[in-house]
Amino acid sequence: MVCDRNQILFNLIFMKDMVDKMTDEKIARINELAKKSKLSPLSKEELHEQALLRREYIDGYKKNLANQLDNAYVLDNNGNKQKLHKKK
């Protein structure tokens, strides 16, 4: 199966825009808490904040990937576009 190059480029641009919603400050905070946790135990508040930020990041990533796959097409042997379907 061959993917449509234009569709892939569109999806990559779309995915970048969606990931940008997770701000640089939030990602920096995730990294800051990860580094701090290696040096000393985090407080309960910091652990909670870390868990929330990680969940937000993972949920956003999954949503972006699902959107990208929902808009993906492959070319069949005859050159016809076929929409991807979810596995059962």
PDB file of N, CA and C in Angstrom:
ATOM      1  N   MET A   1       0.832  -1.178   0.000  1.00  0.00           N
ATOM      2  CA  MET A   1       0.000   0.000   0.000  1.00  0.00           C
ATOM      3  C   MET A   1       0.884   1.252   0.000  1.00  0.00           C
ATOM      4  N   VAL A   2       0.499   2.238  -0.759  1.00  0.00           N
ATOM      5  CA  VAL A   2       1.221   3.496  -0.870  1.00  0.00           C
ATOM      6  C   VAL A   2       0.340   4.609  -0.318  1.00  0.00           C
ATOM      7  N   CYS A   3       0.907   5.438   0.547  1.00  0.00           N
ATOM      8  CA  CYS A   3       0.147   6.548   1.122  1.00  0.00           C
ATOM      9  C   CYS A   3       0.231   7.768   0.205  1.00  0.00           C
ATOM     10  N   ASP A   4      -0.800   8.557   0.190  1.00  0.00           N
ATOM     11  CA  ASP A   4      -0.843   9.796  -0.574  1.00  0.00           C
ATOM     12  C   ASP A   4       0.070  10.807   0.113  1.00  0.00           C
ATOM     13  N   ARG A   5       1.101  11.269  -0.569  1.00  0.00           N
ATOM     14  CA  ARG A   5       2.109  12.164   0.005  1.00  0.00           C
ATOM     15  C   ARG A   5       1.490  13.480   0.494  1.00  0.00           C
ATOM     16  N   ASN A   6       0.581  14.060  -0.291  1.00  0.00           N
ATOM     17  CA  ASN A   6      -0.048  15.321   0.110  1.00  0.00           C
ATOM     18  C   ASN A   6      -0.852  15.160   1.398  1.00  0.00           C
ATOM     19  N   GLN A   7      -1.534  14.032   1.535  1.00  0.00           N
ATOM     20  CA  GLN A   7      -2.323  13.786   2.742  1.00  0.00           C
ATOM     21  C   GLN A   7      -1.401  13.645   3.947  1.00  0.00           C
ATOM     22  N   ILE A   8      -0.277  12.979   3.770  1.00  0.00           N
ATOM     23  CA  ILE A   8       0.677  12.811   4.871  1.00  0.00           C
ATOM     24  C   ILE A   8       1.212  14.168   5.298  1.00  0.00           C
ATOM     25  N   LEU A   9       1.580  15.020   4.329  1.00  0.00           N
ATOM     26  CA  LEU A   9       2.096  16.345   4.663  1.00  0.00           C
ATOM     27  C   LEU A   9       1.046  17.169   5.398  1.00  0.00           C
ATOM     28  N   PHE A  10      -0.198  17.111   4.924  1.00  0.00           N
ATOM     29  CA  PHE A  10      -1.279  17.830   5.595  1.00  0.00           C
ATOM     30  C   PHE A  10      -1.422  17.347   7.036  1.00  0.00           C
ATOM     31  N   ASN A  11      -1.400  16.029   7.223  1.00  0.00           N
ATOM     32  CA  ASN A  11      -1.580  15.470   8.565  1.00  0.00           C
ATOM     33  C   ASN A  11      -0.442  15.861   9.495  1.00  0.00           C
ATOM     34  N   LEU A  12       0.791  15.897   8.980  1.00  0.00           N
ATOM     35  CA  LEU A  12       1.916  16.284   9.824  1.00  0.00           C
ATOM     36  C   LEU A  12       1.798  17.742  10.258  1.00  0.00           C
ATOM     37  N   ILE A  13       1.372  18.610   9.346  1.00  0.00           N
ATOM     38  CA  ILE A  13       1.178  20.018   9.694  1.00  0.00           C
ATOM     39  C   ILE A  13       0.039  20.142  10.701  1.00  0.00           C
ATOM     40  N   PHE A  14      -1.059  19.428  10.465  1.00  0.00           N
ATOM     41  CA  PHE A  14      -2.204  19.456  11.370  1.00  0.00           C
ATOM     42  C   PHE A  14      -1.791  18.964  12.753  1.00  0.00           C
ATOM     43  N   MET A  15      -1.021  17.880  12.802  1.00  0.00           N
ATOM     44  CA  MET A  15      -0.605  17.306  14.078  1.00  0.00           C
ATOM     45  C   MET A  15       0.296  18.283  14.826  1.00  0.00           C
ATOM     46  N   LYS A  16       1.202  18.976  14.124  1.00  0.00           N
ATOM     47  CA  LYS A  16       2.072  19.943  14.777  1.00  0.00           C
ATOM     48  C   LYS A  16       1.240  21.048  15.411  1.00  0.00           C
ATOM     49  N   ASP A  17       0.220  21.531  14.702  1.00  0.00           N
ATOM     50  CA  ASP A  17      -0.637  22.578  15.257  1.00  0.00           C
ATOM     51  C   ASP A  17      -1.356  22.091  16.512  1.00  0.00           C
ATOM     52  N   MET A  18      -1.804  20.846  16.519  1.00  0.00           N
ATOM     53  CA  MET A  18      -2.503  20.312  17.684  1.00  0.00           C
ATOM     54  C   MET A  18      -1.548  20.147  18.861  1.00  0.00           C
ATOM     55  N   VAL A  19      -0.333  19.675  18.605  1.00  0.00           N
ATOM     56  CA  VAL A  19       0.636  19.475  19.679  1.00  0.00           C
ATOM     57  C   VAL A  19       1.039  20.818  20.277  1.00  0.00           C
ATOM     58  N   ASP A  20       1.030  21.884  19.466  1.00  0.00           N
ATOM     59  CA  ASP A  20       1.396  23.202  19.960  1.00  0.00           C
ATOM     60  C   ASP A  20       0.475  23.666  21.083  1.00  0.00           C
ATOM     61  N   LYS A  21      -0.708  23.066  21.209  1.00  0.00           N
ATOM     62  CA  LYS A  21      -1.623  23.451  22.281  1.00  0.00           C
ATOM     63  C   LYS A  21      -1.049  23.071  23.646  1.00  0.00           C
ATOM     64  N   MET A  22      -0.173  22.066  23.664  1.00  0.00           N
ATOM     65  CA  MET A  22       0.553  21.747  24.880  1.00  0.00           C
ATOM     66  C   MET A  22       1.715  22.734  24.912  1.00  0.00           C
ATOM     67  N   THR A  23       1.596  23.775  25.712  1.00  0.00           N
ATOM     68  CA  THR A  23       2.529  24.893  25.667  1.00  0.00           C
ATOM     69  C   THR A  23       3.942  24.477  26.057  1.00  0.00           C
ATOM     70  N   ASP A  24       4.880  25.263  25.587  1.00  0.00           N
ATOM     71  CA  ASP A  24       6.279  25.020  25.916  1.00  0.00           C
ATOM     72  C   ASP A  24       6.506  25.102  27.423  1.00  0.00           C
ATOM     73  N   GLU A  25       5.748  25.970  28.081  1.00  0.00           N
ATOM     74  CA  GLU A  25       5.896  26.106  29.533  1.00  0.00           C
ATOM     75  C   GLU A  25       5.472  24.824  30.254  1.00  0.00           C
ATOM     76  N   LYS A  26       4.396  24.210  29.780  1.00  0.00           N
ATOM     77  CA  LYS A  26       3.929  22.973  30.407  1.00  0.00           C
ATOM     78  C   LYS A  26       4.924  21.841  30.180  1.00  0.00           C
ATOM     79  N   ILE A  27       5.458  21.762  28.981  1.00  0.00           N
ATOM     80  CA  ILE A  27       6.451  20.714  28.687  1.00  0.00           C
ATOM     81  C   ILE A  27       7.709  20.946  29.509  1.00  0.00           C
ATOM     82  N   ALA A  28       8.117  22.204  29.631  1.00  0.00           N
ATOM     83  CA  ALA A  28       9.282  22.523  30.459  1.00  0.00           C
ATOM     84  C   ALA A  28       9.026  22.131  31.911  1.00  0.00           C
ATOM     85  N   ARG A  29       7.807  22.343  32.377  1.00  0.00           N
ATOM     86  CA  ARG A  29       7.464  21.978  33.760  1.00  0.00           C
ATOM     87  C   ARG A  29       7.491  20.465  33.949  1.00  0.00           C
ATOM     88  N   ILE A  30       7.010  19.710  32.958  1.00  0.00           N
ATOM     89  CA  ILE A  30       7.087  18.244  33.019  1.00  0.00           C
ATOM     90  C   ILE A  30       8.541  17.816  33.162  1.00  0.00           C
ATOM     91  N   ASN A  31       9.401  18.398  32.342  1.00  0.00           N
ATOM     92  CA  ASN A  31      10.830  18.047  32.382  1.00  0.00           C
ATOM     93  C   ASN A  31      11.479  18.476  33.694  1.00  0.00           C
ATOM     94  N   GLU A  32      11.092  19.644  34.190  1.00  0.00           N
ATOM     95  CA  GLU A  32      11.623  20.124  35.461  1.00  0.00           C
ATOM     96  C   GLU A  32      11.258  19.177  36.606  1.00  0.00           C
ATOM     97  N   LEU A  33      10.001  18.746  36.638  1.00  0.00           N
ATOM     98  CA  LEU A  33       9.571  17.819  37.693  1.00  0.00           C
ATOM     99  C   LEU A  33      10.257  16.467  37.554  1.00  0.00           C
ATOM    100  N   ALA A  34      10.491  16.022  36.342  1.00  0.00           N
ATOM    101  CA  ALA A  34      11.174  14.741  36.131  1.00  0.00           C
ATOM    102  C   ALA A  34      12.614  14.814  36.646  1.00  0.00           C
ATOM    103  N   LYS A  35      13.299  15.908  36.333  1.00  0.00           N
ATOM    104  CA  LYS A  35      14.675  16.076  36.813  1.00  0.00           C
ATOM    105  C   LYS A  35      14.719  16.162  38.334  1.00  0.00           C
ATOM    106  N   LYS A  36      13.780  16.924  38.900  1.00  0.00           N
ATOM    107  CA  LYS A  36      13.736  17.085  40.355  1.00  0.00           C
ATOM    108  C   LYS A  36      13.471  15.754  41.045  1.00  0.00           C
ATOM    109  N   SER A  37      12.618  14.925  40.439  1.00  0.00           N
ATOM    110  CA  SER A  37      12.278  13.640  41.060  1.00  0.00           C
ATOM    111  C   SER A  37      13.478  12.693  41.108  1.00  0.00           C
ATOM    112  N   LYS A  38      14.439  12.897  40.223  1.00  0.00           N
ATOM    113  CA  LYS A  38      15.648  12.064  40.238  1.00  0.00           C
ATOM    114  C   LYS A  38      16.596  12.481  41.358  1.00  0.00           C
ATOM    115  N   LEU A  39      16.510  13.747  41.767  1.00  0.00           N
ATOM    116  CA  LEU A  39      17.394  14.260  42.804  1.00  0.00           C
ATOM    117  C   LEU A  39      16.816  14.101  44.203  1.00  0.00           C
ATOM    118  N   SER A  40      15.510  14.282  44.324  1.00  0.00           N
ATOM    119  CA  SER A  40      14.864  14.173  45.632  1.00  0.00           C
ATOM    120  C   SER A  40      13.392  13.829  45.417  1.00  0.00           C
ATOM    121  N   PRO A  41      12.753  13.279  46.444  1.00  0.00           N
ATOM    122  CA  PRO A  41      11.332  12.942  46.303  1.00  0.00           C
ATOM    123  C   PRO A  41      10.481  14.201  46.086  1.00  0.00           C
ATOM    124  N   LEU A  42       9.468  14.057  45.270  1.00  0.00           N
ATOM    125  CA  LEU A  42       8.539  15.164  45.034  1.00  0.00           C
ATOM    126  C   LEU A  42       7.495  15.209  46.137  1.00  0.00           C
ATOM    127  N   SER A  43       6.991  16.408  46.408  1.00  0.00           N
ATOM    128  CA  SER A  43       5.906  16.550  47.376  1.00  0.00           C
ATOM    129  C   SER A  43       4.622  15.992  46.769  1.00  0.00           C
ATOM    130  N   LYS A  44       3.601  15.822  47.591  1.00  0.00           N
ATOM    131  CA  LYS A  44       2.317  15.319  47.089  1.00  0.00           C
ATOM    132  C   LYS A  44       1.734  16.242  46.023  1.00  0.00           C
ATOM    133  N   GLU A  45       1.879  17.550  46.253  1.00  0.00           N
ATOM    134  CA  GLU A  45       1.369  18.513  45.279  1.00  0.00           C
ATOM    135  C   GLU A  45       2.109  18.402  43.950  1.00  0.00           C
ATOM    136  N   GLU A  46       3.422  18.248  44.028  1.00  0.00           N
ATOM    137  CA  GLU A  46       4.225  18.119  42.808  1.00  0.00           C
ATOM    138  C   GLU A  46       3.919  16.814  42.075  1.00  0.00           C
ATOM    139  N   LEU A  47       3.722  15.741  42.819  1.00  0.00           N
ATOM    140  CA  LEU A  47       3.357  14.470  42.203  1.00  0.00           C
ATOM    141  C   LEU A  47       2.015  14.576  41.482  1.00  0.00           C
ATOM    142  N   HIS A  48       1.079  15.258  42.119  1.00  0.00           N
ATOM    143  CA  HIS A  48      -0.242  15.457  41.511  1.00  0.00           C
ATOM    144  C   HIS A  48      -0.127  16.309  40.250  1.00  0.00           C
ATOM    145  N   GLU A  49       0.636  17.395  40.331  1.00  0.00           N
ATOM    146  CA  GLU A  49       0.837  18.270  39.165  1.00  0.00           C
ATOM    147  C   GLU A  49       1.509  17.499  38.030  1.00  0.00           C
ATOM    148  N   GLN A  50       2.507  16.708  38.366  1.00  0.00           N
ATOM    149  CA  GLN A  50       3.218  15.910  37.362  1.00  0.00           C
ATOM    150  C   GLN A  50       2.269  14.936  36.677  1.00  0.00           C
ATOM    151  N   ALA A  51       1.445  14.270  37.472  1.00  0.00           N
ATOM    152  CA  ALA A  51       0.492  13.309  36.912  1.00  0.00           C
ATOM    153  C   ALA A  51      -0.508  14.001  35.984  1.00  0.00           C
ATOM    154  N   LEU A  52      -1.006  15.167  36.387  1.00  0.00           N
ATOM    155  CA  LEU A  52      -1.953  15.907  35.543  1.00  0.00           C
ATOM    156  C   LEU A  52      -1.314  16.359  34.234  1.00  0.00           C
ATOM    157  N   LEU A  53      -0.101  16.889  34.311  1.00  0.00           N
ATOM    158  CA  LEU A  53       0.588  17.350  33.100  1.00  0.00           C
ATOM    159  C   LEU A  53       0.897  16.192  32.159  1.00  0.00           C
ATOM    160  N   ARG A  54       1.346  15.088  32.718  1.00  0.00           N
ATOM    161  CA  ARG A  54       1.634  13.917  31.884  1.00  0.00           C
ATOM    162  C   ARG A  54       0.365  13.400  31.217  1.00  0.00           C
ATOM    163  N   ARG A  55      -0.723  13.342  31.962  1.00  0.00           N
ATOM    164  CA  ARG A  55      -1.993  12.868  31.401  1.00  0.00           C
ATOM    165  C   ARG A  55      -2.453  13.779  30.277  1.00  0.00           C
ATOM    166  N   GLU A  56      -2.330  15.098  30.480  1.00  0.00           N
ATOM    167  CA  GLU A  56      -2.718  16.056  29.442  1.00  0.00           C
ATOM    168  C   GLU A  56      -1.878  15.843  28.180  1.00  0.00           C
ATOM    169  N   TYR A  57      -0.581  15.639  28.366  1.00  0.00           N
ATOM    170  CA  TYR A  57       0.318  15.428  27.229  1.00  0.00           C
ATOM    171  C   TYR A  57      -0.045  14.142  26.484  1.00  0.00           C
ATOM    172  N   ILE A  58      -0.239  13.057  27.222  1.00  0.00           N
ATOM    173  CA  ILE A  58      -0.562  11.762  26.604  1.00  0.00           C
ATOM    174  C   ILE A  58      -1.916  11.819  25.901  1.00  0.00           C
ATOM    175  N   ASP A  59      -2.907  12.403  26.543  1.00  0.00           N
ATOM    176  CA  ASP A  59      -4.234  12.515  25.922  1.00  0.00           C
ATOM    177  C   ASP A  59      -4.181  13.333  24.640  1.00  0.00           C
ATOM    178  N   GLY A  60      -3.434  14.426  24.666  1.00  0.00           N
ATOM    179  CA  GLY A  60      -3.286  15.244  23.474  1.00  0.00           C
ATOM    180  C   GLY A  60      -2.597  14.497  22.350  1.00  0.00           C
ATOM    181  N   TYR A  61      -1.569  13.736  22.706  1.00  0.00           N
ATOM    182  CA  TYR A  61      -0.837  12.960  21.708  1.00  0.00           C
ATOM    183  C   TYR A  61      -1.749  11.900  21.079  1.00  0.00           C
ATOM    184  N   LYS A  62      -2.497  11.203  21.909  1.00  0.00           N
ATOM    185  CA  LYS A  62      -3.414  10.174  21.394  1.00  0.00           C
ATOM    186  C   LYS A  62      -4.490  10.785  20.502  1.00  0.00           C
ATOM    187  N   LYS A  63      -5.025  11.929  20.923  1.00  0.00           N
ATOM    188  CA  LYS A  63      -6.056  12.592  20.132  1.00  0.00           C
ATOM    189  C   LYS A  63      -5.506  13.026  18.778  1.00  0.00           C
ATOM    190  N   ASN A  64      -4.300  13.566  18.785  1.00  0.00           N
ATOM    191  CA  ASN A  64      -3.680  13.996  17.535  1.00  0.00           C
ATOM    192  C   ASN A  64      -3.446  12.813  16.604  1.00  0.00           C
ATOM    193  N   LEU A  65      -2.970  11.721  17.142  1.00  0.00           N
ATOM    194  CA  LEU A  65      -2.730  10.532  16.328  1.00  0.00           C
ATOM    195  C   LEU A  65      -4.034   9.987  15.765  1.00  0.00           C
ATOM    196  N   ALA A  66      -5.081   9.953  16.580  1.00  0.00           N
ATOM    197  CA  ALA A  66      -6.383   9.472  16.107  1.00  0.00           C
ATOM    198  C   ALA A  66      -6.914  10.361  14.990  1.00  0.00           C
ATOM    199  N   ASN A  67      -6.782  11.683  15.146  1.00  0.00           N
ATOM    200  CA  ASN A  67      -7.218  12.606  14.096  1.00  0.00           C
ATOM    201  C   ASN A  67      -6.433  12.391  12.815  1.00  0.00           C
ATOM    202  N   GLN A  68      -5.143  12.174  12.958  1.00  0.00           N
ATOM    203  CA  GLN A  68      -4.307  11.953  11.788  1.00  0.00           C
ATOM    204  C   GLN A  68      -4.734  10.675  11.067  1.00  0.00           C
ATOM    205  N   LEU A  69      -4.972   9.614  11.804  1.00  0.00           N
ATOM    206  CA  LEU A  69      -5.374   8.354  11.183  1.00  0.00           C
ATOM    207  C   LEU A  69      -6.784   8.431  10.607  1.00  0.00           C
ATOM    208  N   ASP A  70      -7.658   9.207  11.232  1.00  0.00           N
ATOM    209  CA  ASP A  70      -9.016   9.376  10.703  1.00  0.00           C
ATOM    210  C   ASP A  70      -9.009  10.060   9.339  1.00  0.00           C
ATOM    211  N   ASN A  71      -7.982  10.850   9.077  1.00  0.00           N
ATOM    212  CA  ASN A  71      -7.896  11.582   7.818  1.00  0.00           C
ATOM    213  C   ASN A  71      -6.903  10.954   6.840  1.00  0.00           C
ATOM    214  N   ALA A  72      -6.442   9.763   7.125  1.00  0.00           N
ATOM    215  CA  ALA A  72      -5.446   9.111   6.271  1.00  0.00           C
ATOM    216  C   ALA A  72      -6.116   8.237   5.211  1.00  0.00           C
ATOM    217  N   TYR A  73      -5.515   8.218   4.060  1.00  0.00           N
ATOM    218  CA  TYR A  73      -5.961   7.382   2.953  1.00  0.00           C
ATOM    219  C   TYR A  73      -4.759   6.612   2.424  1.00  0.00           C
ATOM    220  N   VAL A  74      -5.014   5.465   1.846  1.00  0.00           N
ATOM    221  CA  VAL A  74      -3.971   4.708   1.151  1.00  0.00           C
ATOM    222  C   VAL A  74      -4.448   4.477  -0.280  1.00  0.00           C
ATOM    223  N   LEU A  75      -3.501   4.286  -1.157  1.00  0.00           N
ATOM    224  CA  LEU A  75      -3.839   3.999  -2.541  1.00  0.00           C
ATOM    225  C   LEU A  75      -3.830   2.495  -2.737  1.00  0.00           C
ATOM    226  N   ASP A  76      -4.900   1.961  -3.367  1.00  0.00           N
ATOM    227  CA  ASP A  76      -4.913   0.526  -3.659  1.00  0.00           C
ATOM    228  C   ASP A  76      -4.129   0.267  -4.938  1.00  0.00           C
ATOM    229  N   ASN A  77      -4.108  -0.968  -5.375  1.00  0.00           N
ATOM    230  CA  ASN A  77      -3.325  -1.349  -6.553  1.00  0.00           C
ATOM    231  C   ASN A  77      -3.793  -0.642  -7.820  1.00  0.00           C
ATOM    232  N   ASN A  78      -5.037  -0.191  -7.858  1.00  0.00           N
ATOM    233  CA  ASN A  78      -5.587   0.505  -9.021  1.00  0.00           C
ATOM    234  C   ASN A  78      -5.410   2.019  -8.933  1.00  0.00           C
ATOM    235  N   GLY A  79      -4.801   2.500  -7.862  1.00  0.00           N
ATOM    236  CA  GLY A  79      -4.595   3.932  -7.697  1.00  0.00           C
ATOM    237  C   GLY A  79      -5.770   4.661  -7.068  1.00  0.00           C
ATOM    238  N   ASN A  80      -6.737   3.921  -6.556  1.00  0.00           N
ATOM    239  CA  ASN A  80      -7.901   4.520  -5.902  1.00  0.00           C
ATOM    240  C   ASN A  80      -7.600   4.780  -4.432  1.00  0.00           C
ATOM    241  N   LYS A  81      -8.098   5.911  -3.924  1.00  0.00           N
ATOM    242  CA  LYS A  81      -7.928   6.222  -2.506  1.00  0.00           C
ATOM    243  C   LYS A  81      -8.880   5.362  -1.682  1.00  0.00           C
ATOM    244  N   GLN A  82      -8.355   4.792  -0.626  1.00  0.00           N
ATOM    245  CA  GLN A  82      -9.150   4.001   0.314  1.00  0.00           C
ATOM    246  C   GLN A  82      -8.961   4.602   1.706  1.00  0.00           C
ATOM    247  N   LYS A  83     -10.060   4.918   2.356  1.00  0.00           N
ATOM    248  CA  LYS A  83      -9.986   5.448   3.727  1.00  0.00           C
ATOM    249  C   LYS A  83      -9.613   4.320   4.676  1.00  0.00           C
ATOM    250  N   LEU A  84      -8.777   4.629   5.653  1.00  0.00           N
ATOM    251  CA  LEU A  84      -8.407   3.640   6.658  1.00  0.00           C
ATOM    252  C   LEU A  84      -9.613   3.368   7.553  1.00  0.00           C
ATOM    253  N   HIS A  85      -9.768   2.139   7.976  1.00  0.00           N
ATOM    254  CA  HIS A  85     -10.861   1.759   8.868  1.00  0.00           C
ATOM    255  C   HIS A  85     -10.275   1.266  10.175  1.00  0.00           C
ATOM    256  N   LYS A  86     -11.017   1.485  11.252  1.00  0.00           N
ATOM    257  CA  LYS A  86     -10.578   1.002  12.560  1.00  0.00           C
ATOM    258  C   LYS A  86     -10.670  -0.514  12.609  1.00  0.00           C
ATOM    259  N   LYS A  87      -9.705  -1.120  13.310  1.00  0.00           N
ATOM    260  CA  LYS A  87      -9.772  -2.554  13.518  1.00  0.00           C
ATOM    261  C   LYS A  87     -10.860  -2.863  14.526  1.00  0.00           C
ATOM    262  N   LYS A  88     -11.464  -4.025  14.362  1.00  0.00           N
ATOM    263  CA  LYS A  88     -12.519  -4.431  15.310  1.00  0.00           C
ATOM    264  C   LYS A  88     -11.931  -5.075  16.528  1.00  0.00           C
TER     265      LYS A  88
END
